[in-house]
PDB file of all heavy atoms in Angstrom:
ATOM      1  N   LYS A   1     -28.771  19.372 -11.251  1.00  0.00           N
ATOM      2  CA  LYS A   1     -28.570  17.939 -10.997  1.00  0.00           C
ATOM      3  C   LYS A   1     -27.460  17.351 -11.869  1.00  0.00           C
ATOM      4  O   LYS A   1     -26.822  16.363 -11.497  1.00  0.00           O
ATOM      5  CB  LYS A   1     -29.894  17.186 -11.194  1.00  0.00           C
ATOM      6  CG  LYS A   1     -30.852  17.361 -10.019  1.00  0.00           C
ATOM      7  CD  LYS A   1     -32.142  16.591 -10.197  1.00  0.00           C
ATOM      8  CE  LYS A   1     -33.069  17.247 -11.185  1.00  0.00           C
ATOM      9  NZ  LYS A   1     -34.397  16.616 -11.252  1.00  0.00           N
ATOM     10  N   TYR A   2     -27.209  17.968 -13.043  1.00  0.00           N
ATOM     11  CA  TYR A   2     -26.092  17.499 -13.865  1.00  0.00           C
ATOM     12  C   TYR A   2     -24.780  17.637 -13.079  1.00  0.00           C
ATOM     13  O   TYR A   2     -23.930  16.745 -13.074  1.00  0.00           O
ATOM     14  CB  TYR A   2     -25.962  18.311 -15.156  1.00  0.00           C
ATOM     15  CG  TYR A   2     -27.208  18.376 -16.007  1.00  0.00           C
ATOM     16  CD1 TYR A   2     -27.392  19.422 -16.902  1.00  0.00           C
ATOM     17  CD2 TYR A   2     -28.206  17.410 -15.916  1.00  0.00           C
ATOM     18  CE1 TYR A   2     -28.533  19.510 -17.691  1.00  0.00           C
ATOM     19  CE2 TYR A   2     -29.346  17.485 -16.697  1.00  0.00           C
ATOM     20  CZ  TYR A   2     -29.510  18.542 -17.576  1.00  0.00           C
ATOM     21  OH  TYR A   2     -30.635  18.631 -18.349  1.00  0.00           O
ATOM     22  N   PHE A   3     -24.651  18.800 -12.414  1.00  0.00           N
ATOM     23  CA  PHE A   3     -23.427  19.053 -11.646  1.00  0.00           C
ATOM     24  C   PHE A   3     -23.332  18.140 -10.429  1.00  0.00           C
ATOM     25  O   PHE A   3     -22.251  17.882  -9.925  1.00  0.00           O
ATOM     26  CB  PHE A   3     -23.390  20.519 -11.185  1.00  0.00           C
ATOM     27  CG  PHE A   3     -23.059  21.485 -12.272  1.00  0.00           C
ATOM     28  CD1 PHE A   3     -24.056  22.079 -13.029  1.00  0.00           C
ATOM     29  CD2 PHE A   3     -21.735  21.803 -12.551  1.00  0.00           C
ATOM     30  CE1 PHE A   3     -23.749  22.974 -14.039  1.00  0.00           C
ATOM     31  CE2 PHE A   3     -21.417  22.700 -13.568  1.00  0.00           C
ATOM     32  CZ  PHE A   3     -22.421  23.288 -14.316  1.00  0.00           C
ATOM     33  N   ALA A   4     -24.466  17.660  -9.969  1.00  0.00           N
ATOM     34  CA  ALA A   4     -24.456  16.792  -8.786  1.00  0.00           C
ATOM     35  C   ALA A   4     -24.034  15.377  -9.136  1.00  0.00           C
ATOM     36  O   ALA A   4     -23.268  14.740  -8.397  1.00  0.00           O
ATOM     37  CB  ALA A   4     -25.844  16.781  -8.144  1.00  0.00           C
ATOM     38  N   ILE A   5     -24.513  14.859 -10.271  1.00  0.00           N
ATOM     39  CA  ILE A   5     -24.350  13.437 -10.552  1.00  0.00           C
ATOM     40  C   ILE A   5     -23.156  13.144 -11.455  1.00  0.00           C
ATOM     41  O   ILE A   5     -22.311  12.305 -11.128  1.00  0.00           O
ATOM     42  CB  ILE A   5     -25.636  12.881 -11.196  1.00  0.00           C
ATOM     43  CG1 ILE A   5     -26.816  13.058 -10.233  1.00  0.00           C
ATOM     44  CG2 ILE A   5     -25.471  11.414 -11.544  1.00  0.00           C
ATOM     45  CD1 ILE A   5     -28.134  12.642 -10.804  1.00  0.00           C
ATOM     46  N   LEU A   6     -23.090  13.817 -12.596  1.00  0.00           N
ATOM     47  CA  LEU A   6     -22.078  13.456 -13.596  1.00  0.00           C
ATOM     48  C   LEU A   6     -20.647  13.577 -13.072  1.00  0.00           C
ATOM     49  O   LEU A   6     -19.835  12.649 -13.258  1.00  0.00           O
ATOM     50  CB  LEU A   6     -22.281  14.287 -14.865  1.00  0.00           C
ATOM     51  CG  LEU A   6     -23.611  14.025 -15.598  1.00  0.00           C
ATOM     52  CD1 LEU A   6     -23.730  14.909 -16.830  1.00  0.00           C
ATOM     53  CD2 LEU A   6     -23.720  12.550 -16.002  1.00  0.00           C
ATOM     54  N   PRO A   7     -20.292  14.691 -12.400  1.00  0.00           N
ATOM     55  CA  PRO A   7     -18.908  14.734 -11.876  1.00  0.00           C
ATOM     56  C   PRO A   7     -18.636  13.638 -10.857  1.00  0.00           C
ATOM     57  O   PRO A   7     -17.531  13.069 -10.822  1.00  0.00           O
ATOM     58  CB  PRO A   7     -18.835  16.126 -11.221  1.00  0.00           C
ATOM     59  CG  PRO A   7     -19.888  16.931 -11.903  1.00  0.00           C
ATOM     60  CD  PRO A   7     -20.995  15.960 -12.178  1.00  0.00           C
ATOM     61  N   ALA A   8     -19.643  13.334 -10.016  1.00  0.00           N
ATOM     62  CA  ALA A   8     -19.447  12.291  -9.001  1.00  0.00           C
ATOM     63  C   ALA A   8     -19.231  10.925  -9.644  1.00  0.00           C
ATOM     64  O   ALA A   8     -18.479  10.086  -9.121  1.00  0.00           O
ATOM     65  CB  ALA A   8     -20.650  12.245  -8.063  1.00  0.00           C
ATOM     66  N   LEU A   9     -19.879  10.687 -10.791  1.00  0.00           N
ATOM     67  CA  LEU A   9     -19.761   9.393 -11.456  1.00  0.00           C
ATOM     68  C   LEU A   9     -18.422   9.220 -12.158  1.00  0.00           C
ATOM     69  O   LEU A   9     -17.805   8.149 -12.110  1.00  0.00           O
ATOM     70  CB  LEU A   9     -20.898   9.226 -12.472  1.00  0.00           C
ATOM     71  CG  LEU A   9     -22.236   8.693 -11.972  1.00  0.00           C
ATOM     72  CD1 LEU A   9     -23.228   8.650 -13.113  1.00  0.00           C
ATOM     73  CD2 LEU A   9     -22.070   7.293 -11.377  1.00  0.00           C
ATOM     74  N   PHE A  10     -17.944  10.284 -12.821  1.00  0.00           N
ATOM     75  CA  PHE A  10     -16.803  10.129 -13.720  1.00  0.00           C
ATOM     76  C   PHE A  10     -15.527  10.825 -13.239  1.00  0.00           C
ATOM     77  O   PHE A  10     -14.519  10.807 -13.930  1.00  0.00           O
ATOM     78  CB  PHE A  10     -17.168  10.650 -15.114  1.00  0.00           C
ATOM     79  CG  PHE A  10     -18.271   9.875 -15.765  1.00  0.00           C
ATOM     80  CD1 PHE A  10     -19.545  10.411 -15.880  1.00  0.00           C
ATOM     81  CD2 PHE A  10     -18.042   8.594 -16.248  1.00  0.00           C
ATOM     82  CE1 PHE A  10     -20.578   9.697 -16.481  1.00  0.00           C
ATOM     83  CE2 PHE A  10     -19.060   7.870 -16.854  1.00  0.00           C
ATOM     84  CZ  PHE A  10     -20.345   8.419 -16.967  1.00  0.00           C
ATOM     85  N   ALA A  11     -15.579  11.454 -12.065  1.00  0.00           N
ATOM     86  CA  ALA A  11     -14.391  12.179 -11.594  1.00  0.00           C
ATOM     87  C   ALA A  11     -13.207  11.244 -11.374  1.00  0.00           C
ATOM     88  O   ALA A  11     -12.044  11.627 -11.568  1.00  0.00           O
ATOM     89  CB  ALA A  11     -14.712  12.937 -10.301  1.00  0.00           C
ATOM     90  N   ALA A  12     -13.498   9.994 -10.941  1.00  0.00           N
ATOM     91  CA  ALA A  12     -12.405   9.042 -10.700  1.00  0.00           C
ATOM     92  C   ALA A  12     -11.658   8.720 -11.987  1.00  0.00           C
ATOM     93  O   ALA A  12     -10.426   8.602 -12.005  1.00  0.00           O
ATOM     94  CB  ALA A  12     -12.958   7.766 -10.072  1.00  0.00           C
ATOM     95  N   ALA A  13     -12.416   8.573 -13.081  1.00  0.00           N
ATOM     96  CA  ALA A  13     -11.804   8.243 -14.373  1.00  0.00           C
ATOM     97  C   ALA A  13     -11.220   9.482 -15.048  1.00  0.00           C
ATOM     98  O   ALA A  13     -10.197   9.399 -15.741  1.00  0.00           O
ATOM     99  CB  ALA A  13     -12.823   7.581 -15.284  1.00  0.00           C
ATOM    100  N   TYR A  14     -11.890  10.614 -14.844  1.00  0.00           N
ATOM    101  CA  TYR A  14     -11.434  11.870 -15.449  1.00  0.00           C
ATOM    102  C   TYR A  14     -11.241  12.893 -14.330  1.00  0.00           C
ATOM    103  O   TYR A  14     -12.170  13.621 -13.969  1.00  0.00           O
ATOM    104  CB  TYR A  14     -12.447  12.386 -16.468  1.00  0.00           C
ATOM    105  CG  TYR A  14     -12.651  11.451 -17.645  1.00  0.00           C
ATOM    106  CD1 TYR A  14     -13.709  10.544 -17.653  1.00  0.00           C
ATOM    107  CD2 TYR A  14     -11.775  11.469 -18.724  1.00  0.00           C
ATOM    108  CE1 TYR A  14     -13.892   9.673 -18.720  1.00  0.00           C
ATOM    109  CE2 TYR A  14     -11.952  10.602 -19.796  1.00  0.00           C
ATOM    110  CZ  TYR A  14     -13.016   9.705 -19.789  1.00  0.00           C
ATOM    111  OH  TYR A  14     -13.187   8.841 -20.844  1.00  0.00           O
ATOM    112  N   PRO A  15     -10.066  12.952 -13.764  1.00  0.00           N
ATOM    113  CA  PRO A  15      -9.814  13.836 -12.613  1.00  0.00           C
ATOM    114  C   PRO A  15     -10.175  15.295 -12.880  1.00  0.00           C
ATOM    115  O   PRO A  15     -10.518  16.029 -11.951  1.00  0.00           O
ATOM    116  CB  PRO A  15      -8.306  13.676 -12.377  1.00  0.00           C
ATOM    117  CG  PRO A  15      -7.990  12.313 -12.909  1.00  0.00           C
ATOM    118  CD  PRO A  15      -8.876  12.133 -14.104  1.00  0.00           C
ATOM    119  N   GLY A  16     -10.141  15.711 -14.126  1.00  0.00           N
ATOM    120  CA  GLY A  16     -10.486  17.100 -14.449  1.00  0.00           C
ATOM    121  C   GLY A  16     -11.917  17.445 -14.086  1.00  0.00           C
ATOM    122  O   GLY A  16     -12.244  18.606 -13.813  1.00  0.00           O
ATOM    123  N   LEU A  17     -12.807  16.429 -14.100  1.00  0.00           N
ATOM    124  CA  LEU A  17     -14.213  16.671 -13.760  1.00  0.00           C
ATOM    125  C   LEU A  17     -14.411  16.973 -12.283  1.00  0.00           C
ATOM    126  O   LEU A  17     -15.454  17.475 -11.877  1.00  0.00           O
ATOM    127  CB  LEU A  17     -15.066  15.445 -14.142  1.00  0.00           C
ATOM    128  CG  LEU A  17     -15.349  15.231 -15.625  1.00  0.00           C
ATOM    129  CD1 LEU A  17     -16.125  13.929 -15.826  1.00  0.00           C
ATOM    130  CD2 LEU A  17     -16.144  16.399 -16.195  1.00  0.00           C
ATOM    131  N   ASP A  18     -13.407  16.666 -11.472  1.00  0.00           N
ATOM    132  CA  ASP A  18     -13.552  16.884 -10.032  1.00  0.00           C
ATOM    133  C   ASP A  18     -13.728  18.369  -9.704  1.00  0.00           C
ATOM    134  O   ASP A  18     -14.298  18.719  -8.671  1.00  0.00           O
ATOM    135  CB  ASP A  18     -12.328  16.329  -9.300  1.00  0.00           C
ATOM    136  CG  ASP A  18     -12.589  16.202  -7.809  1.00  0.00           C
ATOM    137  OD1 ASP A  18     -13.609  15.572  -7.443  1.00  0.00           O
ATOM    138  OD2 ASP A  18     -11.799  16.757  -7.020  1.00  0.00           O
ATOM    139  N   GLU A  19     -13.242  19.223 -10.605  1.00  0.00           N
ATOM    140  CA  GLU A  19     -13.418  20.663 -10.392  1.00  0.00           C
ATOM    141  C   GLU A  19     -14.897  21.064 -10.477  1.00  0.00           C
ATOM    142  O   GLU A  19     -15.298  22.084  -9.923  1.00  0.00           O
ATOM    143  CB  GLU A  19     -12.603  21.444 -11.419  1.00  0.00           C
ATOM    144  CG  GLU A  19     -11.096  21.254 -11.259  1.00  0.00           C
ATOM    145  CD  GLU A  19     -10.310  22.079 -12.256  1.00  0.00           C
ATOM    146  OE1 GLU A  19     -10.939  22.903 -12.959  1.00  0.00           O
ATOM    147  OE2 GLU A  19      -9.078  21.902 -12.342  1.00  0.00           O
ATOM    148  N   LEU A  20     -15.685  20.249 -11.205  1.00  0.00           N
ATOM    149  CA  LEU A  20     -17.121  20.537 -11.310  1.00  0.00           C
ATOM    150  C   LEU A  20     -17.911  19.905 -10.170  1.00  0.00           C
ATOM    151  O   LEU A  20     -19.109  20.157 -10.032  1.00  0.00           O
ATOM    152  CB  LEU A  20     -17.659  20.017 -12.654  1.00  0.00           C
ATOM    153  CG  LEU A  20     -17.063  20.644 -13.916  1.00  0.00           C
ATOM    154  CD1 LEU A  20     -17.663  19.985 -15.149  1.00  0.00           C
ATOM    155  CD2 LEU A  20     -17.315  22.147 -13.941  1.00  0.00           C
ATOM    156  N   ASN A  21     -17.247  19.078  -9.377  1.00  0.00           N
ATOM    157  CA  ASN A  21     -17.925  18.427  -8.261  1.00  0.00           C
ATOM    158  C   ASN A  21     -18.031  19.422  -7.095  1.00  0.00           C
ATOM    159  O   ASN A  21     -17.397  19.267  -6.043  1.00  0.00           O
ATOM    160  CB  ASN A  21     -17.159  17.172  -7.843  1.00  0.00           C
ATOM    161  CG  ASN A  21     -17.959  16.325  -6.860  1.00  0.00           C
ATOM    162  OD1 ASN A  21     -19.137  16.565  -6.627  1.00  0.00           O
ATOM    163  ND2 ASN A  21     -17.289  15.336  -6.278  1.00  0.00           N
ATOM    164  N   ILE A  22     -18.836  20.447  -7.318  1.00  0.00           N
ATOM    165  CA  ILE A  22     -18.936  21.566  -6.376  1.00  0.00           C
ATOM    166  C   ILE A  22     -19.422  21.109  -5.008  1.00  0.00           C
ATOM    167  O   ILE A  22     -18.991  21.600  -3.973  1.00  0.00           O
ATOM    168  CB  ILE A  22     -19.877  22.649  -6.943  1.00  0.00           C
ATOM    169  CG1 ILE A  22     -19.349  23.121  -8.296  1.00  0.00           C
ATOM    170  CG2 ILE A  22     -20.023  23.819  -5.985  1.00  0.00           C
ATOM    171  CD1 ILE A  22     -20.313  24.011  -9.047  1.00  0.00           C
ATOM    172  N   MET A  23     -20.348  20.151  -5.000  1.00  0.00           N
ATOM    173  CA  MET A  23     -20.959  19.731  -3.739  1.00  0.00           C
ATOM    174  C   MET A  23     -20.091  18.773  -2.937  1.00  0.00           C
ATOM    175  O   MET A  23     -20.357  18.558  -1.750  1.00  0.00           O
ATOM    176  CB  MET A  23     -22.315  19.073  -4.022  1.00  0.00           C
ATOM    177  CG  MET A  23     -23.368  20.043  -4.500  1.00  0.00           C
ATOM    178  SD  MET A  23     -24.946  19.210  -4.720  1.00  0.00           S
ATOM    179  CE  MET A  23     -25.056  19.171  -6.484  1.00  0.00           C
ATOM    180  N   GLN A  24     -19.064  18.213  -3.580  1.00  0.00           N
ATOM    181  CA  GLN A  24     -18.187  17.255  -2.900  1.00  0.00           C
ATOM    182  C   GLN A  24     -19.011  16.153  -2.225  1.00  0.00           C
ATOM    183  O   GLN A  24     -18.928  15.927  -1.009  1.00  0.00           O
ATOM    184  CB  GLN A  24     -17.301  17.971  -1.869  1.00  0.00           C
ATOM    185  CG  GLN A  24     -16.297  18.923  -2.456  1.00  0.00           C
ATOM    186  CD  GLN A  24     -15.277  18.222  -3.353  1.00  0.00           C
ATOM    187  OE1 GLN A  24     -14.649  17.235  -2.949  1.00  0.00           O
ATOM    188  NE2 GLN A  24     -15.126  18.714  -4.577  1.00  0.00           N
ATOM    189  N   LEU A  25     -19.833  15.479  -3.035  1.00  0.00           N
ATOM    190  CA  LEU A  25     -20.698  14.428  -2.516  1.00  0.00           C
ATOM    191  C   LEU A  25     -19.874  13.228  -2.075  1.00  0.00           C
ATOM    192  O   LEU A  25     -18.754  12.991  -2.548  1.00  0.00           O
ATOM    193  CB  LEU A  25     -21.731  14.030  -3.569  1.00  0.00           C
ATOM    194  CG  LEU A  25     -22.640  15.190  -4.048  1.00  0.00           C
ATOM    195  CD1 LEU A  25     -23.613  14.703  -5.092  1.00  0.00           C
ATOM    196  CD2 LEU A  25     -23.383  15.826  -2.882  1.00  0.00           C
ATOM    197  N   HIS A  26     -20.429  12.417  -1.167  1.00  0.00           N
ATOM    198  CA  HIS A  26     -19.694  11.350  -0.505  1.00  0.00           C
ATOM    199  C   HIS A  26     -19.191  10.290  -1.469  1.00  0.00           C
ATOM    200  O   HIS A  26     -18.047   9.842  -1.386  1.00  0.00           O
ATOM    201  CB  HIS A  26     -20.591  10.709   0.566  1.00  0.00           C
ATOM    202  CG  HIS A  26     -19.932   9.624   1.340  1.00  0.00           C
ATOM    203  ND1 HIS A  26     -20.079   8.287   1.019  1.00  0.00           N
ATOM    204  CD2 HIS A  26     -19.104   9.671   2.418  1.00  0.00           C
ATOM    205  CE1 HIS A  26     -19.389   7.561   1.869  1.00  0.00           C
ATOM    206  NE2 HIS A  26     -18.779   8.364   2.748  1.00  0.00           N
ATOM    207  N   SER A  27     -20.061   9.857  -2.393  1.00  0.00           N
ATOM    208  CA  SER A  27     -19.689   8.805  -3.343  1.00  0.00           C
ATOM    209  C   SER A  27     -20.646   8.856  -4.526  1.00  0.00           C
ATOM    210  O   SER A  27     -21.707   9.486  -4.454  1.00  0.00           O
ATOM    211  CB  SER A  27     -19.764   7.430  -2.673  1.00  0.00           C
ATOM    212  OG  SER A  27     -21.125   7.101  -2.391  1.00  0.00           O
ATOM    213  N   PRO A  28     -20.301   8.182  -5.627  1.00  0.00           N
ATOM    214  CA  PRO A  28     -21.230   8.145  -6.760  1.00  0.00           C
ATOM    215  C   PRO A  28     -22.590   7.569  -6.383  1.00  0.00           C
ATOM    216  O   PRO A  28     -23.628   8.069  -6.837  1.00  0.00           O
ATOM    217  CB  PRO A  28     -20.504   7.253  -7.771  1.00  0.00           C
ATOM    218  CG  PRO A  28     -19.058   7.436  -7.452  1.00  0.00           C
ATOM    219  CD  PRO A  28     -18.999   7.582  -5.965  1.00  0.00           C
ATOM    220  N   GLU A  29     -22.595   6.507  -5.570  1.00  0.00           N
ATOM    221  CA  GLU A  29     -23.878   5.900  -5.202  1.00  0.00           C
ATOM    222  C   GLU A  29     -24.722   6.846  -4.356  1.00  0.00           C
ATOM    223  O   GLU A  29     -25.926   7.010  -4.586  1.00  0.00           O
ATOM    224  CB  GLU A  29     -23.634   4.590  -4.447  1.00  0.00           C
ATOM    225  CG  GLU A  29     -23.180   3.456  -5.337  1.00  0.00           C
ATOM    226  CD  GLU A  29     -23.122   2.137  -4.582  1.00  0.00           C
ATOM    227  OE1 GLU A  29     -23.216   2.157  -3.337  1.00  0.00           O
ATOM    228  OE2 GLU A  29     -23.003   1.086  -5.247  1.00  0.00           O
ATOM    229  N   SER A  30     -24.120   7.487  -3.358  1.00  0.00           N
ATOM    230  CA  SER A  30     -24.891   8.418  -2.525  1.00  0.00           C
ATOM    231  C   SER A  30     -25.342   9.626  -3.334  1.00  0.00           C
ATOM    232  O   SER A  30     -26.404  10.192  -3.080  1.00  0.00           O
ATOM    233  CB  SER A  30     -24.066   8.864  -1.313  1.00  0.00           C
ATOM    234  OG  SER A  30     -22.983   9.683  -1.703  1.00  0.00           O
ATOM    235  N   ALA A  31     -24.545  10.017  -4.338  1.00  0.00           N
ATOM    236  CA  ALA A  31     -24.926  11.137  -5.203  1.00  0.00           C
ATOM    237  C   ALA A  31     -26.187  10.796  -5.993  1.00  0.00           C
ATOM    238  O   ALA A  31     -27.122  11.608  -6.101  1.00  0.00           O
ATOM    239  CB  ALA A  31     -23.784  11.484  -6.148  1.00  0.00           C
ATOM    240  N   ILE A  32     -26.215   9.580  -6.548  1.00  0.00           N
ATOM    241  CA  ILE A  32     -27.373   9.170  -7.348  1.00  0.00           C
ATOM    242  C   ILE A  32     -28.616   9.038  -6.473  1.00  0.00           C
ATOM    243  O   ILE A  32     -29.696   9.537  -6.817  1.00  0.00           O
ATOM    244  CB  ILE A  32     -27.077   7.838  -8.072  1.00  0.00           C
ATOM    245  CG1 ILE A  32     -25.981   8.052  -9.115  1.00  0.00           C
ATOM    246  CG2 ILE A  32     -28.344   7.289  -8.726  1.00  0.00           C
ATOM    247  CD1 ILE A  32     -25.476   6.780  -9.748  1.00  0.00           C
ATOM    248  N   VAL A  33     -28.476   8.376  -5.329  1.00  0.00           N
ATOM    249  CA  VAL A  33     -29.636   8.210  -4.438  1.00  0.00           C
ATOM    250  C   VAL A  33     -30.132   9.563  -3.946  1.00  0.00           C
ATOM    251  O   VAL A  33     -31.340   9.825  -3.910  1.00  0.00           O
ATOM    252  CB  VAL A  33     -29.277   7.290  -3.249  1.00  0.00           C
ATOM    253  CG1 VAL A  33     -30.427   7.249  -2.248  1.00  0.00           C
ATOM    254  CG2 VAL A  33     -28.958   5.894  -3.733  1.00  0.00           C
ATOM    255  N   SER A  34     -29.208  10.445  -3.578  1.00  0.00           N
ATOM    256  CA  SER A  34     -29.600  11.777  -3.093  1.00  0.00           C
ATOM    257  C   SER A  34     -30.363  12.543  -4.171  1.00  0.00           C
ATOM    258  O   SER A  34     -31.365  13.216  -3.888  1.00  0.00           O
ATOM    259  CB  SER A  34     -28.358  12.571  -2.668  1.00  0.00           C
ATOM    260  OG  SER A  34     -27.683  11.929  -1.622  1.00  0.00           O
ATOM    261  N   ALA A  35     -29.890  12.444  -5.412  1.00  0.00           N
ATOM    262  CA  ALA A  35     -30.560  13.148  -6.506  1.00  0.00           C
ATOM    263  C   ALA A  35     -31.954  12.580  -6.766  1.00  0.00           C
ATOM    264  O   ALA A  35     -32.911  13.332  -7.018  1.00  0.00           O
ATOM    265  CB  ALA A  35     -29.712  13.065  -7.776  1.00  0.00           C
ATOM    266  N   ILE A  36     -32.079  11.240  -6.702  1.00  0.00           N
ATOM    267  CA  ILE A  36     -33.383  10.610  -6.926  1.00  0.00           C
ATOM    268  C   ILE A  36     -34.370  10.990  -5.818  1.00  0.00           C
ATOM    269  O   ILE A  36     -35.534  11.312  -6.071  1.00  0.00           O
ATOM    270  CB  ILE A  36     -33.222   9.070  -6.997  1.00  0.00           C
ATOM    271  CG1 ILE A  36     -32.694   8.676  -8.369  1.00  0.00           C
ATOM    272  CG2 ILE A  36     -34.544   8.359  -6.753  1.00  0.00           C
ATOM    273  CD1 ILE A  36     -33.682   8.852  -9.501  1.00  0.00           C
ATOM    274  N   VAL A  37     -33.905  10.961  -4.565  1.00  0.00           N
ATOM    275  CA  VAL A  37     -34.781  11.326  -3.440  1.00  0.00           C
ATOM    276  C   VAL A  37     -35.199  12.794  -3.562  1.00  0.00           C
ATOM    277  O   VAL A  37     -36.375  13.134  -3.380  1.00  0.00           O
ATOM    278  CB  VAL A  37     -34.072  11.069  -2.093  1.00  0.00           C
ATOM    279  CG1 VAL A  37     -34.911  11.609  -0.937  1.00  0.00           C
ATOM    280  CG2 VAL A  37     -33.805   9.587  -1.905  1.00  0.00           C
TER     281      VAL A  37
END
């Protein structure tokens, strides 16, 4: 879940984190809701 949420939240500010965004989730909000569900 770290890989699901944290890159989605901070990839915009830190483009280097986008490499960890393996799932390529739709947006930070959908990433958080998906993880909670």
